[in-house]
């Protein structure tokens, strides 16, 4: 991933918004909080730039992914869905999922709003 270029573009496109990196040592996902849950707990909106997300699930949150740029392989449980630009998919609470792309830009809408306590990383199994 072109880390500095992606961060610069996110800062330019979404000035003043918080940018989160999934890892400093093995960066595979950059998240920009467009409308964080702290502003309205009922929902949140973020843009994720994904090479590969860590397998995870959410205890309460329903997420809708919309591919803004590129293509994404979204694996939910045992099923992999290929999404192209404009494609969407909704992920229900407790559904184990991960996403693989190539600097793919994805709008992620979460209801209720995403909070770190609801994000549960898991080791790869059955995914």
N, C-alpha and C. Protein backbone atom coordinates (compact mmCIF):
# COMPACT_ATOMS: atom_id res chain seq x y z
N UNK A 1 0.85 -1.18 0.00
CA UNK A 1 0.00 0.00 0.00
C UNK A 1 0.89 1.24 0.00
N UNK A 2 0.48 2.21 -0.76
CA UNK A 2 1.19 3.49 -0.80
C UNK A 2 0.70 4.33 0.39
N UNK A 3 1.24 4.06 1.54
CA UNK A 3 0.72 4.59 2.80
C UNK A 3 0.65 6.11 2.81
N UNK A 4 1.76 6.77 2.53
CA UNK A 4 1.79 8.23 2.61
C UNK A 4 0.84 8.87 1.61
N UNK A 5 0.78 8.31 0.39
CA UNK A 5 -0.11 8.86 -0.63
C UNK A 5 -1.57 8.71 -0.24
N UNK A 6 -1.91 7.53 0.31
CA UNK A 6 -3.29 7.29 0.74
C UNK A 6 -3.67 8.24 1.87
N UNK A 7 -2.81 8.37 2.86
CA UNK A 7 -3.10 9.27 3.98
C UNK A 7 -3.24 10.71 3.49
N UNK A 8 -2.36 11.14 2.59
CA UNK A 8 -2.46 12.50 2.05
C UNK A 8 -3.78 12.71 1.31
N UNK A 9 -4.20 11.71 0.52
CA UNK A 9 -5.46 11.83 -0.22
C UNK A 9 -6.66 11.85 0.74
N UNK A 10 -6.63 11.03 1.78
CA UNK A 10 -7.71 11.04 2.76
C UNK A 10 -7.78 12.40 3.46
N UNK A 11 -6.63 12.95 3.84
CA UNK A 11 -6.60 14.26 4.50
C UNK A 11 -7.14 15.36 3.59
N UNK A 12 -6.82 15.26 2.31
CA UNK A 12 -7.29 16.26 1.35
C UNK A 12 -8.79 16.11 1.08
N UNK A 13 -9.25 14.88 0.95
CA UNK A 13 -10.65 14.62 0.65
C UNK A 13 -11.55 14.84 1.86
N UNK A 14 -11.05 14.50 3.04
CA UNK A 14 -11.83 14.60 4.28
C UNK A 14 -11.05 15.40 5.31
N UNK A 15 -10.87 16.70 5.09
CA UNK A 15 -10.03 17.50 6.00
C UNK A 15 -10.56 17.49 7.44
N UNK A 16 -9.63 17.36 8.37
CA UNK A 16 -9.95 17.40 9.79
C UNK A 16 -10.51 16.12 10.36
N UNK A 17 -10.67 15.09 9.54
CA UNK A 17 -11.23 13.83 10.03
C UNK A 17 -10.13 12.93 10.59
N UNK A 18 -10.48 12.15 11.59
CA UNK A 18 -9.53 11.26 12.26
C UNK A 18 -9.17 10.08 11.35
N UNK A 19 -7.88 9.79 11.26
CA UNK A 19 -7.37 8.69 10.46
C UNK A 19 -6.73 7.66 11.39
N UNK A 20 -7.13 6.39 11.22
CA UNK A 20 -6.63 5.30 12.06
C UNK A 20 -5.91 4.28 11.19
N UNK A 21 -4.80 3.75 11.70
CA UNK A 21 -4.03 2.71 11.00
C UNK A 21 -4.22 1.41 11.76
N UNK A 22 -4.44 0.30 11.04
CA UNK A 22 -4.69 -0.96 11.75
C UNK A 22 -3.43 -1.52 12.39
N UNK A 23 -2.25 -1.11 11.92
CA UNK A 23 -1.00 -1.59 12.50
C UNK A 23 0.13 -0.67 12.04
N UNK A 24 1.09 -0.45 12.91
CA UNK A 24 2.25 0.33 12.50
C UNK A 24 3.31 -0.57 11.87
N UNK A 25 3.30 -1.85 12.24
CA UNK A 25 4.32 -2.77 11.74
C UNK A 25 3.90 -3.48 10.45
N UNK A 26 2.60 -3.77 10.30
CA UNK A 26 2.12 -4.49 9.13
C UNK A 26 0.82 -3.84 8.66
N UNK A 27 0.93 -2.64 8.12
CA UNK A 27 -0.23 -1.85 7.75
C UNK A 27 -0.94 -2.45 6.54
N UNK A 28 -2.20 -2.82 6.72
CA UNK A 28 -2.99 -3.37 5.63
C UNK A 28 -4.35 -2.69 5.48
N UNK A 29 -4.64 -1.74 6.39
CA UNK A 29 -5.91 -1.04 6.34
C UNK A 29 -5.77 0.34 6.98
N UNK A 30 -6.32 1.34 6.32
CA UNK A 30 -6.35 2.71 6.84
C UNK A 30 -7.81 3.12 6.90
N UNK A 31 -8.23 3.68 8.03
CA UNK A 31 -9.62 4.04 8.25
C UNK A 31 -9.72 5.54 8.50
N UNK A 32 -10.66 6.18 7.84
CA UNK A 32 -10.92 7.60 8.06
C UNK A 32 -12.36 7.74 8.57
N UNK A 33 -12.50 8.23 9.79
CA UNK A 33 -13.83 8.39 10.39
C UNK A 33 -14.48 9.66 9.85
N UNK A 34 -15.48 9.49 8.99
CA UNK A 34 -16.18 10.61 8.38
C UNK A 34 -17.24 11.15 9.33
N UNK A 35 -18.07 10.27 9.84
CA UNK A 35 -19.10 10.62 10.82
C UNK A 35 -18.99 9.63 11.97
N UNK A 36 -18.16 9.93 12.97
CA UNK A 36 -17.95 8.98 14.07
C UNK A 36 -19.19 8.84 14.97
N UNK A 37 -19.27 7.71 15.64
CA UNK A 37 -20.37 7.44 16.56
C UNK A 37 -20.43 8.45 17.70
N UNK A 38 -19.32 9.10 18.00
CA UNK A 38 -19.32 10.10 19.07
C UNK A 38 -20.22 11.29 18.73
N UNK A 39 -20.49 11.51 17.44
CA UNK A 39 -21.39 12.60 17.03
C UNK A 39 -22.86 12.18 17.09
N UNK A 40 -23.12 10.89 16.87
CA UNK A 40 -24.47 10.34 16.88
C UNK A 40 -24.35 8.83 17.04
N UNK A 41 -24.67 8.30 18.21
CA UNK A 41 -24.45 6.88 18.48
C UNK A 41 -25.27 5.92 17.62
N UNK A 42 -26.32 6.39 16.95
CA UNK A 42 -27.16 5.51 16.14
C UNK A 42 -26.48 4.99 14.89
N UNK A 43 -25.47 5.72 14.39
CA UNK A 43 -24.76 5.28 13.19
C UNK A 43 -23.41 5.95 13.10
N UNK A 44 -22.56 5.40 12.25
CA UNK A 44 -21.29 6.03 11.92
C UNK A 44 -20.96 5.72 10.47
N UNK A 45 -20.12 6.56 9.88
CA UNK A 45 -19.68 6.38 8.50
C UNK A 45 -18.17 6.57 8.47
N UNK A 46 -17.49 5.65 7.80
CA UNK A 46 -16.04 5.74 7.65
C UNK A 46 -15.69 5.34 6.23
N UNK A 47 -14.50 5.75 5.81
CA UNK A 47 -13.93 5.25 4.56
C UNK A 47 -12.71 4.43 4.95
N UNK A 48 -12.72 3.17 4.52
CA UNK A 48 -11.59 2.27 4.77
C UNK A 48 -10.86 2.06 3.46
N UNK A 49 -9.54 2.15 3.51
CA UNK A 49 -8.71 1.81 2.36
C UNK A 49 -8.06 0.48 2.73
N UNK A 50 -8.40 -0.56 1.97
CA UNK A 50 -8.12 -1.94 2.38
C UNK A 50 -7.21 -2.67 1.40
N UNK A 51 -6.15 -3.26 1.95
CA UNK A 51 -5.43 -4.32 1.27
C UNK A 51 -5.92 -5.65 1.85
N UNK A 52 -5.98 -5.70 3.18
CA UNK A 52 -6.53 -6.88 3.85
C UNK A 52 -6.91 -6.51 5.28
N UNK A 53 -8.15 -6.79 5.63
CA UNK A 53 -8.57 -6.55 7.01
C UNK A 53 -8.35 -7.82 7.82
N UNK A 54 -8.20 -7.64 9.10
CA UNK A 54 -8.04 -8.76 10.03
C UNK A 54 -9.42 -9.40 10.22
N UNK A 55 -9.51 -10.73 10.21
CA UNK A 55 -10.80 -11.38 10.47
C UNK A 55 -11.39 -10.89 11.80
N UNK A 56 -12.66 -10.53 11.77
CA UNK A 56 -13.29 -9.98 12.97
C UNK A 56 -14.81 -10.11 12.86
N UNK A 57 -15.47 -9.75 13.95
CA UNK A 57 -16.92 -9.66 13.96
C UNK A 57 -17.30 -8.54 14.90
N UNK A 58 -18.57 -8.19 14.90
CA UNK A 58 -19.09 -7.14 15.78
C UNK A 58 -20.23 -7.75 16.59
N UNK A 59 -20.28 -7.43 17.86
CA UNK A 59 -21.31 -8.01 18.71
C UNK A 59 -22.67 -7.34 18.48
N UNK A 60 -22.69 -6.05 18.18
CA UNK A 60 -23.95 -5.31 18.05
C UNK A 60 -24.15 -4.61 16.71
N UNK A 61 -23.10 -4.39 15.99
CA UNK A 61 -23.15 -3.52 14.82
C UNK A 61 -23.46 -4.27 13.53
N UNK A 62 -24.36 -3.69 12.74
CA UNK A 62 -24.59 -4.11 11.36
C UNK A 62 -23.80 -3.16 10.48
N UNK A 63 -22.97 -3.72 9.58
CA UNK A 63 -22.15 -2.89 8.70
C UNK A 63 -22.61 -3.07 7.25
N UNK A 64 -22.60 -1.97 6.52
CA UNK A 64 -22.82 -2.03 5.08
C UNK A 64 -21.58 -1.50 4.40
N UNK A 65 -21.01 -2.33 3.54
CA UNK A 65 -19.82 -1.96 2.77
C UNK A 65 -20.29 -1.52 1.37
N UNK A 66 -19.74 -0.40 0.90
CA UNK A 66 -19.97 0.06 -0.46
C UNK A 66 -18.61 0.37 -1.08
N UNK A 67 -18.26 -0.31 -2.14
CA UNK A 67 -16.96 -0.10 -2.78
C UNK A 67 -17.00 1.21 -3.56
N UNK A 68 -16.11 2.12 -3.17
CA UNK A 68 -16.01 3.42 -3.83
C UNK A 68 -14.99 3.42 -4.96
N UNK A 69 -13.94 2.62 -4.77
CA UNK A 69 -12.85 2.57 -5.75
C UNK A 69 -12.18 1.21 -5.68
N UNK A 70 -12.03 0.56 -6.83
CA UNK A 70 -11.36 -0.73 -6.88
C UNK A 70 -12.33 -1.89 -6.76
N UNK A 71 -11.81 -3.03 -6.32
CA UNK A 71 -12.61 -4.25 -6.15
C UNK A 71 -12.25 -4.87 -4.80
N UNK A 72 -13.20 -5.62 -4.25
CA UNK A 72 -13.03 -6.17 -2.91
C UNK A 72 -13.56 -7.59 -2.87
N UNK A 73 -12.80 -8.49 -2.26
CA UNK A 73 -13.29 -9.81 -1.93
C UNK A 73 -13.67 -9.78 -0.45
N UNK A 74 -14.96 -9.91 -0.19
CA UNK A 74 -15.48 -9.87 1.17
C UNK A 74 -15.89 -11.28 1.56
N UNK A 75 -15.21 -11.81 2.57
CA UNK A 75 -15.51 -13.16 3.04
C UNK A 75 -16.32 -13.05 4.33
N UNK A 76 -17.52 -13.65 4.29
CA UNK A 76 -18.40 -13.69 5.45
C UNK A 76 -18.63 -15.16 5.75
N UNK A 77 -18.09 -15.62 6.87
CA UNK A 77 -18.17 -17.04 7.18
C UNK A 77 -17.44 -17.83 6.12
N UNK A 78 -18.14 -18.75 5.44
CA UNK A 78 -17.54 -19.60 4.41
C UNK A 78 -17.75 -19.05 3.00
N UNK A 79 -18.40 -17.91 2.87
CA UNK A 79 -18.76 -17.38 1.55
C UNK A 79 -17.93 -16.14 1.22
N UNK A 80 -17.38 -16.12 -0.01
CA UNK A 80 -16.66 -14.95 -0.48
C UNK A 80 -17.46 -14.29 -1.59
N UNK A 81 -17.65 -13.00 -1.44
CA UNK A 81 -18.40 -12.19 -2.40
C UNK A 81 -17.42 -11.22 -3.05
N UNK A 82 -17.44 -11.15 -4.37
CA UNK A 82 -16.57 -10.20 -5.10
C UNK A 82 -17.40 -8.95 -5.39
N UNK A 83 -16.93 -7.83 -4.88
CA UNK A 83 -17.62 -6.55 -5.10
C UNK A 83 -16.77 -5.64 -5.95
N UNK A 84 -17.39 -5.04 -6.94
CA UNK A 84 -16.73 -4.04 -7.78
C UNK A 84 -17.21 -2.66 -7.36
N UNK A 85 -16.64 -1.63 -7.95
CA UNK A 85 -17.04 -0.26 -7.64
C UNK A 85 -18.55 -0.12 -7.73
N UNK A 86 -19.16 0.43 -6.67
CA UNK A 86 -20.60 0.60 -6.60
C UNK A 86 -21.30 -0.57 -5.93
N UNK A 87 -20.62 -1.71 -5.78
CA UNK A 87 -21.22 -2.88 -5.14
C UNK A 87 -21.35 -2.69 -3.65
N UNK A 88 -22.39 -3.31 -3.07
CA UNK A 88 -22.62 -3.21 -1.63
C UNK A 88 -22.90 -4.58 -1.03
N UNK A 89 -22.67 -4.68 0.26
CA UNK A 89 -22.98 -5.90 1.00
C UNK A 89 -23.18 -5.52 2.47
N UNK A 90 -24.17 -6.14 3.10
CA UNK A 90 -24.45 -5.88 4.51
C UNK A 90 -24.01 -7.07 5.35
N UNK A 91 -23.35 -6.77 6.45
CA UNK A 91 -22.82 -7.78 7.37
C UNK A 91 -23.56 -7.63 8.70
N UNK A 92 -24.14 -8.72 9.16
CA UNK A 92 -24.93 -8.71 10.39
C UNK A 92 -24.03 -8.90 11.62
N UNK A 93 -24.52 -8.50 12.81
CA UNK A 93 -23.77 -8.75 14.03
C UNK A 93 -23.41 -10.23 14.17
N UNK A 94 -22.26 -10.50 14.73
CA UNK A 94 -21.74 -11.85 15.00
C UNK A 94 -21.24 -12.57 13.76
N UNK A 95 -21.36 -11.99 12.56
CA UNK A 95 -20.86 -12.66 11.35
C UNK A 95 -19.36 -12.41 11.21
N UNK A 96 -18.60 -13.48 11.24
CA UNK A 96 -17.15 -13.40 11.08
C UNK A 96 -16.86 -12.97 9.65
N UNK A 97 -16.02 -11.94 9.49
CA UNK A 97 -15.75 -11.45 8.14
C UNK A 97 -14.35 -10.85 8.03
N UNK A 98 -13.88 -10.80 6.77
CA UNK A 98 -12.63 -10.13 6.45
C UNK A 98 -12.75 -9.64 5.01
N UNK A 99 -11.91 -8.68 4.66
CA UNK A 99 -11.95 -8.10 3.32
C UNK A 99 -10.55 -8.06 2.74
N UNK A 100 -10.46 -8.34 1.43
CA UNK A 100 -9.19 -8.30 0.73
C UNK A 100 -9.36 -7.47 -0.54
N UNK A 101 -8.44 -6.53 -0.72
CA UNK A 101 -8.47 -5.68 -1.91
C UNK A 101 -7.06 -5.29 -2.29
N UNK A 102 -6.98 -4.23 -3.06
CA UNK A 102 -5.69 -3.68 -3.45
C UNK A 102 -5.84 -2.17 -3.43
N UNK A 103 -5.62 -1.62 -2.23
CA UNK A 103 -5.85 -0.20 -1.99
C UNK A 103 -7.28 0.17 -2.38
N UNK A 104 -8.21 -0.70 -1.98
CA UNK A 104 -9.62 -0.54 -2.30
C UNK A 104 -10.27 0.42 -1.30
N UNK A 105 -10.99 1.40 -1.82
CA UNK A 105 -11.69 2.38 -0.99
C UNK A 105 -13.12 1.89 -0.77
N UNK A 106 -13.50 1.79 0.51
CA UNK A 106 -14.81 1.25 0.89
C UNK A 106 -15.48 2.20 1.88
N UNK A 107 -16.72 2.58 1.58
CA UNK A 107 -17.52 3.34 2.55
C UNK A 107 -18.17 2.31 3.46
N UNK A 108 -17.97 2.48 4.77
CA UNK A 108 -18.52 1.56 5.75
C UNK A 108 -19.51 2.32 6.63
N UNK A 109 -20.78 1.93 6.54
CA UNK A 109 -21.81 2.53 7.37
C UNK A 109 -22.18 1.52 8.44
N UNK A 110 -22.12 1.94 9.69
CA UNK A 110 -22.37 1.06 10.83
C UNK A 110 -23.58 1.54 11.61
N UNK A 111 -24.47 0.59 11.98
CA UNK A 111 -25.65 0.89 12.80
C UNK A 111 -25.76 -0.16 13.88
N UNK A 112 -25.77 0.18 15.16
CA UNK A 112 -25.43 1.51 15.68
C UNK A 112 -23.99 1.87 15.33
N UNK A 113 -23.59 3.07 15.70
CA UNK A 113 -22.25 3.54 15.35
C UNK A 113 -21.14 2.65 15.87
N UNK A 114 -20.06 2.55 15.06
CA UNK A 114 -18.92 1.71 15.40
C UNK A 114 -18.18 2.28 16.60
N UNK A 115 -17.91 1.41 17.56
CA UNK A 115 -17.06 1.75 18.71
C UNK A 115 -16.05 0.62 18.86
N UNK A 116 -14.83 0.92 19.34
CA UNK A 116 -13.79 -0.11 19.44
C UNK A 116 -14.21 -1.33 20.26
N UNK A 117 -15.03 -1.14 21.30
CA UNK A 117 -15.42 -2.24 22.16
C UNK A 117 -16.28 -3.28 21.43
N UNK A 118 -16.88 -2.91 20.30
CA UNK A 118 -17.74 -3.81 19.55
C UNK A 118 -16.97 -4.59 18.48
N UNK A 119 -15.73 -4.24 18.26
CA UNK A 119 -14.89 -4.83 17.22
C UNK A 119 -14.07 -5.96 17.83
N UNK A 120 -14.35 -7.20 17.42
CA UNK A 120 -13.69 -8.37 18.01
C UNK A 120 -12.82 -9.06 16.96
N UNK A 121 -11.50 -8.93 17.09
CA UNK A 121 -10.57 -9.62 16.19
C UNK A 121 -10.50 -11.09 16.57
N UNK A 122 -10.33 -11.93 15.56
CA UNK A 122 -10.20 -13.37 15.82
C UNK A 122 -9.08 -13.93 14.95
N UNK A 123 -8.55 -15.05 15.38
CA UNK A 123 -7.58 -15.75 14.55
C UNK A 123 -8.35 -16.41 13.43
N UNK A 124 -7.69 -16.56 12.29
CA UNK A 124 -8.37 -17.16 11.14
C UNK A 124 -8.80 -18.58 11.44
N UNK A 125 -10.07 -18.82 11.27
CA UNK A 125 -10.65 -20.16 11.38
C UNK A 125 -11.95 -20.12 10.59
N UNK A 126 -12.12 -21.08 9.75
CA UNK A 126 -13.31 -21.16 8.92
C UNK A 126 -13.55 -19.90 8.09
N UNK A 127 -12.49 -19.21 7.77
CA UNK A 127 -12.66 -18.03 6.93
C UNK A 127 -11.49 -17.94 5.97
